[in-house]
Amino acid sequence: MGGYLSNSGSQAQNNLPDPYIRWKPEKPKGGDVVLIPVDDSSHAETAFDWYVRHMHKPSNTVRLLYCVDMRYTSCYNLKGKDFKDELEEKKRTASYLSEKYYKKLSDFGVLGSVQTFVGSPGEVILDHAIRTNTSAIIMGSRNLGLIRRTLLGSISCYVVNHSKVPVTIVPCEA
């Protein structure tokens, strides 16, 4: 389904350590594991902030998950970049998001981690939710228009329709 984004830019086996991974998969005693998919959009940050303000309990553990979708990189590269440049950009984004969200976790006093995976976002989110014994998924909504949602699909729709745990979709203006 997906793999970790390693420093060498290749996919690693899901059971190998990775520099972006700093977590223990067991459920904390007395608390829930909450999964929040993130990217570099304001929608993801809105979802995280909403969770902290409205749902967070000190006993919870938050897993922030950034998914690198490489399926269309080589086919639809309209910026004139080659695959290696695109991969380096994705790695820089992963590093930036890791630092940004570790700071937010620390600032709010939230126990959690930031992880980066490569794969189809909806599938990676659901697979990760199962593997980490997640109690809830909190996601931002990009509010794609009808045509874009029809052509590209909606990750939040996919997750809502296939998840075995409760999913909360946070609107842009939450």
N, C-alpha and C. Protein backbone atom coordinates (compact mmCIF):
# COMPACT_ATOMS: atom_id res chain seq x y z
N MET A 1 0.81 -1.20 0.00
CA MET A 1 0.00 0.00 0.00
C MET A 1 0.84 1.25 0.00
N GLY A 2 1.91 1.25 0.73
CA GLY A 2 2.76 2.41 0.79
C GLY A 2 3.99 2.08 1.58
N GLY A 3 4.93 2.95 1.55
CA GLY A 3 6.14 2.74 2.31
C GLY A 3 6.64 4.05 2.86
N TYR A 4 7.62 3.97 3.71
CA TYR A 4 8.21 5.17 4.26
C TYR A 4 9.02 5.87 3.20
N LEU A 5 9.12 7.17 3.31
CA LEU A 5 10.00 7.94 2.43
C LEU A 5 11.35 7.96 3.11
N SER A 6 12.30 7.26 2.54
CA SER A 6 13.62 7.18 3.17
C SER A 6 14.50 8.31 2.67
N ASN A 7 15.64 8.49 3.33
CA ASN A 7 16.57 9.54 2.93
C ASN A 7 17.10 9.35 1.53
N SER A 8 17.18 8.09 1.08
CA SER A 8 17.71 7.84 -0.26
C SER A 8 16.67 8.08 -1.34
N GLY A 9 15.42 8.35 -0.93
CA GLY A 9 14.36 8.62 -1.90
C GLY A 9 13.66 7.39 -2.38
N SER A 10 14.05 6.22 -1.92
CA SER A 10 13.37 5.00 -2.33
C SER A 10 12.42 4.57 -1.24
N GLN A 11 11.51 3.68 -1.59
CA GLN A 11 10.59 3.17 -0.59
C GLN A 11 11.30 2.11 0.25
N ALA A 12 11.10 2.19 1.55
CA ALA A 12 11.65 1.19 2.45
C ALA A 12 10.54 0.26 2.90
N GLN A 13 10.90 -0.88 3.43
CA GLN A 13 9.90 -1.80 3.95
C GLN A 13 9.20 -1.14 5.13
N ASN A 14 7.90 -1.44 5.32
CA ASN A 14 7.13 -0.80 6.37
C ASN A 14 7.63 -1.11 7.77
N ASN A 15 8.44 -2.14 7.96
CA ASN A 15 8.89 -2.49 9.29
C ASN A 15 10.30 -2.00 9.59
N LEU A 16 10.89 -1.20 8.74
CA LEU A 16 12.24 -0.70 8.97
C LEU A 16 12.19 0.69 9.58
N PRO A 17 13.16 1.03 10.43
CA PRO A 17 13.18 2.38 11.00
C PRO A 17 13.44 3.41 9.92
N ASP A 18 13.02 4.61 10.17
CA ASP A 18 13.15 5.68 9.20
C ASP A 18 13.38 6.99 9.94
N PRO A 19 14.12 7.92 9.38
CA PRO A 19 14.39 9.17 10.10
C PRO A 19 13.15 10.01 10.38
N TYR A 20 12.08 9.84 9.62
CA TYR A 20 10.87 10.60 9.86
C TYR A 20 9.97 9.96 10.91
N ILE A 21 10.29 8.75 11.33
CA ILE A 21 9.41 8.01 12.22
C ILE A 21 9.93 8.10 13.65
N ARG A 22 9.11 8.59 14.56
CA ARG A 22 9.46 8.65 15.98
C ARG A 22 8.23 8.27 16.79
N TRP A 23 7.82 7.03 16.73
CA TRP A 23 6.59 6.65 17.41
C TRP A 23 6.62 5.21 17.84
N LYS A 24 5.73 4.89 18.77
CA LYS A 24 5.52 3.52 19.19
C LYS A 24 4.08 3.18 18.84
N PRO A 25 3.82 2.07 18.15
CA PRO A 25 2.49 1.81 17.66
C PRO A 25 1.45 1.39 18.69
N GLU A 26 1.85 1.12 19.92
CA GLU A 26 0.85 0.68 20.89
C GLU A 26 -0.04 1.84 21.33
N LYS A 27 -1.27 1.49 21.71
CA LYS A 27 -2.24 2.48 22.16
C LYS A 27 -1.87 2.92 23.58
N PRO A 28 -1.88 4.21 23.86
CA PRO A 28 -1.54 4.67 25.20
C PRO A 28 -2.59 4.23 26.21
N LYS A 29 -2.15 4.01 27.43
CA LYS A 29 -3.08 3.60 28.47
C LYS A 29 -4.04 4.72 28.79
N GLY A 30 -5.33 4.42 28.74
CA GLY A 30 -6.34 5.40 29.09
C GLY A 30 -6.64 6.44 28.03
N GLY A 31 -5.95 6.41 26.93
CA GLY A 31 -6.18 7.42 25.90
C GLY A 31 -6.43 6.79 24.55
N ASP A 32 -6.77 7.62 23.62
CA ASP A 32 -7.03 7.18 22.25
C ASP A 32 -5.90 7.61 21.33
N VAL A 33 -5.79 6.91 20.21
CA VAL A 33 -4.88 7.32 19.15
C VAL A 33 -5.73 8.03 18.10
N VAL A 34 -5.35 9.26 17.78
CA VAL A 34 -6.08 10.06 16.80
C VAL A 34 -5.14 10.31 15.62
N LEU A 35 -5.62 10.01 14.43
CA LEU A 35 -4.84 10.17 13.20
C LEU A 35 -5.31 11.43 12.47
N ILE A 36 -4.35 12.30 12.16
CA ILE A 36 -4.66 13.53 11.42
C ILE A 36 -3.75 13.59 10.20
N PRO A 37 -4.29 13.31 9.01
CA PRO A 37 -3.48 13.46 7.79
C PRO A 37 -3.17 14.94 7.56
N VAL A 38 -1.92 15.24 7.22
CA VAL A 38 -1.52 16.62 6.99
C VAL A 38 -0.81 16.75 5.65
N ASP A 39 -0.80 17.96 5.15
CA ASP A 39 0.00 18.33 3.98
C ASP A 39 0.35 19.79 4.16
N ASP A 40 0.80 20.46 3.11
CA ASP A 40 1.20 21.85 3.28
C ASP A 40 0.07 22.84 2.99
N SER A 41 -1.17 22.38 3.14
CA SER A 41 -2.31 23.26 2.91
C SER A 41 -2.82 23.85 4.23
N SER A 42 -3.55 24.94 4.11
CA SER A 42 -4.17 25.54 5.30
C SER A 42 -5.28 24.65 5.84
N HIS A 43 -5.85 23.78 4.99
CA HIS A 43 -6.94 22.90 5.40
C HIS A 43 -6.46 21.90 6.44
N ALA A 44 -5.26 21.39 6.25
CA ALA A 44 -4.70 20.42 7.21
C ALA A 44 -4.41 21.12 8.54
N GLU A 45 -3.87 22.31 8.47
CA GLU A 45 -3.58 23.06 9.70
C GLU A 45 -4.87 23.40 10.44
N THR A 46 -5.92 23.74 9.70
CA THR A 46 -7.21 24.03 10.30
C THR A 46 -7.75 22.80 11.03
N ALA A 47 -7.61 21.62 10.41
CA ALA A 47 -8.08 20.38 11.04
C ALA A 47 -7.31 20.10 12.32
N PHE A 48 -5.97 20.27 12.30
CA PHE A 48 -5.17 20.06 13.50
C PHE A 48 -5.60 21.02 14.61
N ASP A 49 -5.70 22.30 14.27
CA ASP A 49 -6.08 23.31 15.27
C ASP A 49 -7.47 23.03 15.83
N TRP A 50 -8.40 22.62 14.98
CA TRP A 50 -9.75 22.30 15.42
C TRP A 50 -9.72 21.13 16.41
N TYR A 51 -8.94 20.11 16.08
CA TYR A 51 -8.83 18.96 16.98
C TYR A 51 -8.31 19.40 18.35
N VAL A 52 -7.26 20.21 18.37
CA VAL A 52 -6.67 20.64 19.64
C VAL A 52 -7.68 21.44 20.46
N ARG A 53 -8.43 22.32 19.81
CA ARG A 53 -9.40 23.17 20.51
C ARG A 53 -10.64 22.41 20.97
N HIS A 54 -11.11 21.43 20.19
CA HIS A 54 -12.42 20.84 20.46
C HIS A 54 -12.42 19.38 20.93
N MET A 55 -11.40 18.62 20.64
CA MET A 55 -11.47 17.19 20.94
C MET A 55 -10.33 16.64 21.78
N HIS A 56 -9.22 17.32 21.82
CA HIS A 56 -8.03 16.75 22.45
C HIS A 56 -8.21 16.52 23.94
N LYS A 57 -7.73 15.35 24.39
CA LYS A 57 -7.63 15.03 25.81
C LYS A 57 -6.15 14.75 26.08
N PRO A 58 -5.65 15.12 27.25
CA PRO A 58 -4.22 14.91 27.55
C PRO A 58 -3.77 13.46 27.44
N SER A 59 -4.68 12.52 27.58
CA SER A 59 -4.31 11.10 27.50
C SER A 59 -4.22 10.60 26.06
N ASN A 60 -4.66 11.40 25.10
CA ASN A 60 -4.63 10.98 23.69
C ASN A 60 -3.23 11.09 23.10
N THR A 61 -2.99 10.29 22.08
CA THR A 61 -1.77 10.39 21.28
C THR A 61 -2.19 10.73 19.86
N VAL A 62 -1.53 11.72 19.28
CA VAL A 62 -1.87 12.18 17.93
C VAL A 62 -0.81 11.69 16.95
N ARG A 63 -1.25 11.07 15.88
CA ARG A 63 -0.37 10.65 14.80
C ARG A 63 -0.66 11.55 13.60
N LEU A 64 0.28 12.40 13.25
CA LEU A 64 0.14 13.25 12.08
C LEU A 64 0.81 12.52 10.92
N LEU A 65 0.09 12.40 9.82
CA LEU A 65 0.54 11.58 8.70
C LEU A 65 0.58 12.40 7.42
N TYR A 66 1.78 12.49 6.84
CA TYR A 66 1.94 13.15 5.54
C TYR A 66 2.16 12.05 4.51
N CYS A 67 1.34 12.07 3.47
CA CYS A 67 1.44 11.04 2.43
C CYS A 67 1.93 11.67 1.13
N VAL A 68 3.01 11.12 0.62
CA VAL A 68 3.57 11.57 -0.65
C VAL A 68 2.97 10.70 -1.75
N ASP A 69 2.18 11.32 -2.60
CA ASP A 69 1.53 10.60 -3.70
C ASP A 69 2.37 10.78 -4.95
N MET A 70 3.10 9.75 -5.32
CA MET A 70 4.02 9.82 -6.47
C MET A 70 3.40 9.23 -7.74
N ARG A 71 2.13 8.85 -7.70
CA ARG A 71 1.52 8.18 -8.85
C ARG A 71 1.53 9.01 -10.12
N TYR A 72 1.35 10.32 -10.00
CA TYR A 72 1.22 11.16 -11.19
C TYR A 72 2.45 12.02 -11.45
N THR A 73 3.48 11.84 -10.68
CA THR A 73 4.64 12.73 -10.76
C THR A 73 5.29 12.73 -12.14
N SER A 74 5.59 11.57 -12.67
CA SER A 74 6.31 11.54 -13.94
C SER A 74 5.40 11.81 -15.13
N CYS A 75 4.12 11.48 -15.03
CA CYS A 75 3.19 11.66 -16.15
C CYS A 75 2.70 13.09 -16.30
N TYR A 76 2.45 13.76 -15.18
CA TYR A 76 1.80 15.06 -15.23
C TYR A 76 2.70 16.16 -14.70
N ASN A 77 3.99 16.06 -14.95
CA ASN A 77 4.92 17.06 -14.47
C ASN A 77 4.90 18.25 -15.44
N LEU A 78 4.07 19.23 -15.14
CA LEU A 78 3.90 20.37 -16.03
C LEU A 78 4.90 21.49 -15.77
N LYS A 79 5.69 21.38 -14.71
CA LYS A 79 6.63 22.44 -14.35
C LYS A 79 8.00 22.25 -14.99
N GLY A 80 8.19 21.21 -15.80
CA GLY A 80 9.46 20.99 -16.46
C GLY A 80 10.52 20.35 -15.57
N LYS A 81 10.12 19.80 -14.43
CA LYS A 81 11.06 19.16 -13.52
C LYS A 81 11.18 17.68 -13.87
N ASP A 82 12.35 17.13 -13.65
CA ASP A 82 12.47 15.69 -13.83
C ASP A 82 12.08 14.99 -12.52
N PHE A 83 12.01 13.68 -12.56
CA PHE A 83 11.53 12.89 -11.43
C PHE A 83 12.40 13.11 -10.20
N LYS A 84 13.71 13.17 -10.39
CA LYS A 84 14.63 13.35 -9.26
C LYS A 84 14.38 14.69 -8.56
N ASP A 85 14.19 15.75 -9.33
CA ASP A 85 13.90 17.07 -8.75
C ASP A 85 12.58 17.04 -7.99
N GLU A 86 11.59 16.40 -8.58
CA GLU A 86 10.28 16.29 -7.94
C GLU A 86 10.39 15.54 -6.62
N LEU A 87 11.16 14.46 -6.61
CA LEU A 87 11.35 13.67 -5.40
C LEU A 87 12.05 14.49 -4.32
N GLU A 88 13.07 15.24 -4.70
CA GLU A 88 13.77 16.10 -3.73
C GLU A 88 12.82 17.14 -3.15
N GLU A 89 11.96 17.70 -3.98
CA GLU A 89 10.99 18.67 -3.49
C GLU A 89 10.03 18.03 -2.49
N LYS A 90 9.59 16.81 -2.77
CA LYS A 90 8.70 16.08 -1.85
C LYS A 90 9.41 15.81 -0.52
N LYS A 91 10.69 15.47 -0.58
CA LYS A 91 11.45 15.22 0.65
C LYS A 91 11.62 16.50 1.47
N ARG A 92 11.85 17.63 0.78
CA ARG A 92 11.95 18.91 1.49
C ARG A 92 10.61 19.26 2.15
N THR A 93 9.52 19.01 1.44
CA THR A 93 8.20 19.27 2.01
C THR A 93 7.97 18.39 3.23
N ALA A 94 8.35 17.11 3.15
CA ALA A 94 8.19 16.19 4.29
C ALA A 94 8.99 16.68 5.48
N SER A 95 10.20 17.13 5.25
CA SER A 95 11.05 17.62 6.34
C SER A 95 10.45 18.89 6.95
N TYR A 96 10.00 19.81 6.09
CA TYR A 96 9.37 21.05 6.56
C TYR A 96 8.13 20.75 7.41
N LEU A 97 7.27 19.85 6.92
CA LEU A 97 6.04 19.52 7.65
C LEU A 97 6.35 18.83 8.97
N SER A 98 7.36 17.97 8.96
CA SER A 98 7.75 17.29 10.19
C SER A 98 8.16 18.31 11.25
N GLU A 99 9.02 19.25 10.88
CA GLU A 99 9.46 20.29 11.82
C GLU A 99 8.29 21.16 12.27
N LYS A 100 7.47 21.58 11.32
CA LYS A 100 6.33 22.46 11.62
C LYS A 100 5.37 21.81 12.61
N TYR A 101 5.01 20.55 12.34
CA TYR A 101 4.01 19.91 13.19
C TYR A 101 4.59 19.39 14.51
N TYR A 102 5.88 19.04 14.54
CA TYR A 102 6.49 18.72 15.84
C TYR A 102 6.48 19.95 16.73
N LYS A 103 6.71 21.12 16.14
CA LYS A 103 6.65 22.36 16.92
C LYS A 103 5.23 22.61 17.42
N LYS A 104 4.24 22.41 16.57
CA LYS A 104 2.85 22.60 17.00
C LYS A 104 2.47 21.62 18.11
N LEU A 105 2.89 20.36 17.97
CA LEU A 105 2.63 19.38 19.04
C LEU A 105 3.24 19.86 20.35
N SER A 106 4.48 20.31 20.28
CA SER A 106 5.19 20.78 21.47
C SER A 106 4.52 22.03 22.05
N ASP A 107 4.18 22.99 21.18
CA ASP A 107 3.57 24.24 21.64
C ASP A 107 2.25 24.00 22.37
N PHE A 108 1.47 23.02 21.89
CA PHE A 108 0.18 22.73 22.51
C PHE A 108 0.28 21.66 23.60
N GLY A 109 1.47 21.10 23.81
CA GLY A 109 1.65 20.07 24.83
C GLY A 109 0.94 18.77 24.47
N VAL A 110 0.92 18.45 23.19
CA VAL A 110 0.22 17.25 22.71
C VAL A 110 1.24 16.14 22.47
N LEU A 111 0.97 14.96 23.02
CA LEU A 111 1.81 13.79 22.78
C LEU A 111 1.52 13.29 21.38
N GLY A 112 2.54 13.12 20.55
CA GLY A 112 2.29 12.65 19.20
C GLY A 112 3.53 12.54 18.36
N SER A 113 3.30 12.28 17.09
CA SER A 113 4.40 12.10 16.14
C SER A 113 3.96 12.56 14.76
N VAL A 114 4.96 12.77 13.90
CA VAL A 114 4.72 13.13 12.51
C VAL A 114 5.40 12.06 11.66
N GLN A 115 4.67 11.49 10.73
CA GLN A 115 5.20 10.41 9.90
C GLN A 115 4.96 10.72 8.43
N THR A 116 5.87 10.25 7.60
CA THR A 116 5.76 10.43 6.15
C THR A 116 5.74 9.08 5.47
N PHE A 117 4.77 8.88 4.58
CA PHE A 117 4.65 7.65 3.81
C PHE A 117 4.51 7.99 2.33
N VAL A 118 4.85 7.03 1.50
CA VAL A 118 4.66 7.15 0.06
C VAL A 118 3.56 6.19 -0.34
N GLY A 119 2.60 6.67 -1.12
CA GLY A 119 1.54 5.80 -1.60
C GLY A 119 0.28 6.58 -1.92
N SER A 120 -0.76 5.85 -2.23
CA SER A 120 -2.06 6.45 -2.50
C SER A 120 -2.62 6.96 -1.16
N PRO A 121 -2.89 8.26 -1.03
CA PRO A 121 -3.24 8.83 0.26
C PRO A 121 -4.37 8.13 1.01
N GLY A 122 -5.48 7.89 0.36
CA GLY A 122 -6.61 7.24 1.04
C GLY A 122 -6.24 5.87 1.58
N GLU A 123 -5.56 5.08 0.78
CA GLU A 123 -5.16 3.75 1.20
C GLU A 123 -4.13 3.81 2.33
N VAL A 124 -3.17 4.72 2.23
CA VAL A 124 -2.16 4.85 3.28
C VAL A 124 -2.80 5.26 4.60
N ILE A 125 -3.72 6.21 4.55
CA ILE A 125 -4.40 6.67 5.76
C ILE A 125 -5.14 5.52 6.44
N LEU A 126 -5.91 4.76 5.66
CA LEU A 126 -6.69 3.66 6.24
C LEU A 126 -5.79 2.54 6.74
N ASP A 127 -4.73 2.22 6.00
CA ASP A 127 -3.80 1.19 6.43
C ASP A 127 -3.12 1.61 7.73
N HIS A 128 -2.72 2.86 7.81
CA HIS A 128 -2.05 3.36 9.01
C HIS A 128 -3.02 3.36 10.20
N ALA A 129 -4.27 3.70 9.95
CA ALA A 129 -5.27 3.70 11.02
C ALA A 129 -5.41 2.30 11.63
N ILE A 130 -5.41 1.29 10.79
CA ILE A 130 -5.52 -0.09 11.28
C ILE A 130 -4.27 -0.49 12.05
N ARG A 131 -3.09 -0.21 11.46
CA ARG A 131 -1.83 -0.65 12.07
C ARG A 131 -1.54 0.04 13.40
N THR A 132 -2.05 1.25 13.62
CA THR A 132 -1.76 1.98 14.85
C THR A 132 -2.93 1.96 15.83
N ASN A 133 -3.94 1.13 15.55
CA ASN A 133 -5.09 1.01 16.45
C ASN A 133 -5.74 2.37 16.70
N THR A 134 -5.95 3.11 15.62
CA THR A 134 -6.51 4.45 15.68
C THR A 134 -7.97 4.42 16.12
N SER A 135 -8.34 5.38 16.96
CA SER A 135 -9.72 5.50 17.44
C SER A 135 -10.54 6.46 16.59
N ALA A 136 -9.89 7.44 15.97
CA ALA A 136 -10.60 8.43 15.16
C ALA A 136 -9.63 9.05 14.15
N ILE A 137 -10.19 9.48 13.03
CA ILE A 137 -9.43 10.19 12.00
C ILE A 137 -10.04 11.58 11.87
N ILE A 138 -9.20 12.61 11.91
CA ILE A 138 -9.64 14.00 11.75
C ILE A 138 -8.98 14.53 10.49
N MET A 139 -9.78 15.01 9.54
CA MET A 139 -9.24 15.46 8.25
C MET A 139 -9.78 16.83 7.88
N GLY A 140 -8.96 17.59 7.18
CA GLY A 140 -9.43 18.84 6.61
C GLY A 140 -10.08 18.56 5.27
N SER A 141 -10.96 19.45 4.86
CA SER A 141 -11.62 19.34 3.57
C SER A 141 -11.08 20.41 2.64
N ARG A 142 -10.72 20.01 1.43
CA ARG A 142 -10.18 20.97 0.46
C ARG A 142 -11.29 21.69 -0.29
N ASN A 143 -12.52 21.22 -0.18
CA ASN A 143 -13.66 21.82 -0.88
C ASN A 143 -13.40 21.94 -2.38
N LEU A 144 -13.00 20.83 -2.98
CA LEU A 144 -12.81 20.81 -4.42
C LEU A 144 -14.15 21.02 -5.11
N GLY A 145 -14.13 21.64 -6.23
CA GLY A 145 -15.36 21.80 -7.00
C GLY A 145 -15.79 20.46 -7.57
N LEU A 146 -16.99 20.40 -8.10
CA LEU A 146 -17.56 19.16 -8.62
C LEU A 146 -16.69 18.54 -9.71
N ILE A 147 -16.19 19.32 -10.63
CA ILE A 147 -15.40 18.77 -11.74
C ILE A 147 -14.06 18.23 -11.24
N ARG A 148 -13.35 19.01 -10.42
CA ARG A 148 -12.06 18.54 -9.90
C ARG A 148 -12.25 17.29 -9.04
N ARG A 149 -13.30 17.27 -8.20
CA ARG A 149 -13.55 16.11 -7.34
C ARG A 149 -13.88 14.88 -8.19
N THR A 150 -14.62 15.07 -9.28
CA THR A 150 -14.97 13.97 -10.16
C THR A 150 -13.74 13.42 -10.87
N LEU A 151 -12.90 14.32 -11.37
CA LEU A 151 -11.70 13.89 -12.09
C LEU A 151 -10.61 13.34 -11.18
N LEU A 152 -10.35 14.03 -10.08
CA LEU A 152 -9.25 13.66 -9.20
C LEU A 152 -9.67 12.72 -8.06
N GLY A 153 -10.94 12.74 -7.73
CA GLY A 153 -11.39 11.98 -6.57
C GLY A 153 -11.17 12.79 -5.31
N SER A 154 -11.81 12.38 -4.26
CA SER A 154 -11.68 13.08 -2.99
C SER A 154 -11.12 12.11 -1.96
N ILE A 155 -10.00 12.46 -1.38
CA ILE A 155 -9.39 11.60 -0.37
C ILE A 155 -10.32 11.49 0.83
N SER A 156 -10.90 12.61 1.25
CA SER A 156 -11.79 12.57 2.41
C SER A 156 -13.01 11.69 2.14
N CYS A 157 -13.57 11.75 0.92
CA CYS A 157 -14.70 10.87 0.57
C CYS A 157 -14.28 9.41 0.64
N TYR A 158 -13.11 9.11 0.10
CA TYR A 158 -12.61 7.73 0.12
C TYR A 158 -12.45 7.23 1.56
N VAL A 159 -11.84 8.07 2.40
CA VAL A 159 -11.61 7.67 3.79
C VAL A 159 -12.94 7.48 4.52
N VAL A 160 -13.87 8.42 4.36
CA VAL A 160 -15.17 8.30 5.03
C VAL A 160 -15.88 7.02 4.62
N ASN A 161 -15.85 6.69 3.33
CA ASN A 161 -16.58 5.53 2.83
C ASN A 161 -15.92 4.19 3.11
N HIS A 162 -14.63 4.18 3.45
CA HIS A 162 -13.93 2.91 3.66
C HIS A 162 -13.38 2.71 5.06
N SER A 163 -13.48 3.71 5.91
CA SER A 163 -12.88 3.64 7.24
C SER A 163 -13.69 2.75 8.18
N LYS A 164 -12.97 2.07 9.06
CA LYS A 164 -13.59 1.24 10.09
C LYS A 164 -13.67 2.00 11.42
N VAL A 165 -13.13 3.23 11.45
CA VAL A 165 -13.19 4.07 12.64
C VAL A 165 -13.89 5.38 12.29
N PRO A 166 -14.39 6.10 13.30
CA PRO A 166 -15.06 7.38 13.02
C PRO A 166 -14.12 8.38 12.33
N VAL A 167 -14.69 9.14 11.39
CA VAL A 167 -13.93 10.14 10.66
C VAL A 167 -14.64 11.48 10.82
N THR A 168 -13.89 12.50 11.18
CA THR A 168 -14.42 13.86 11.27
C THR A 168 -13.79 14.68 10.17
N ILE A 169 -14.63 15.31 9.34
CA ILE A 169 -14.15 16.19 8.27
C ILE A 169 -14.35 17.63 8.77
N VAL A 170 -13.25 18.37 8.84
CA VAL A 170 -13.29 19.74 9.33
C VAL A 170 -13.33 20.67 8.11
N PRO A 171 -14.39 21.49 8.01
CA PRO A 171 -14.47 22.41 6.86
C PRO A 171 -13.40 23.49 6.93
N CYS A 172 -13.15 24.14 5.80
CA CYS A 172 -12.10 25.15 5.70
C CYS A 172 -12.24 26.27 6.73
N GLU A 173 -13.44 26.72 6.96
CA GLU A 173 -13.67 27.85 7.84
C GLU A 173 -14.04 27.44 9.24
N ALA A 174 -13.48 26.35 9.75
CA ALA A 174 -13.83 25.87 11.09
C ALA A 174 -13.26 26.77 12.16
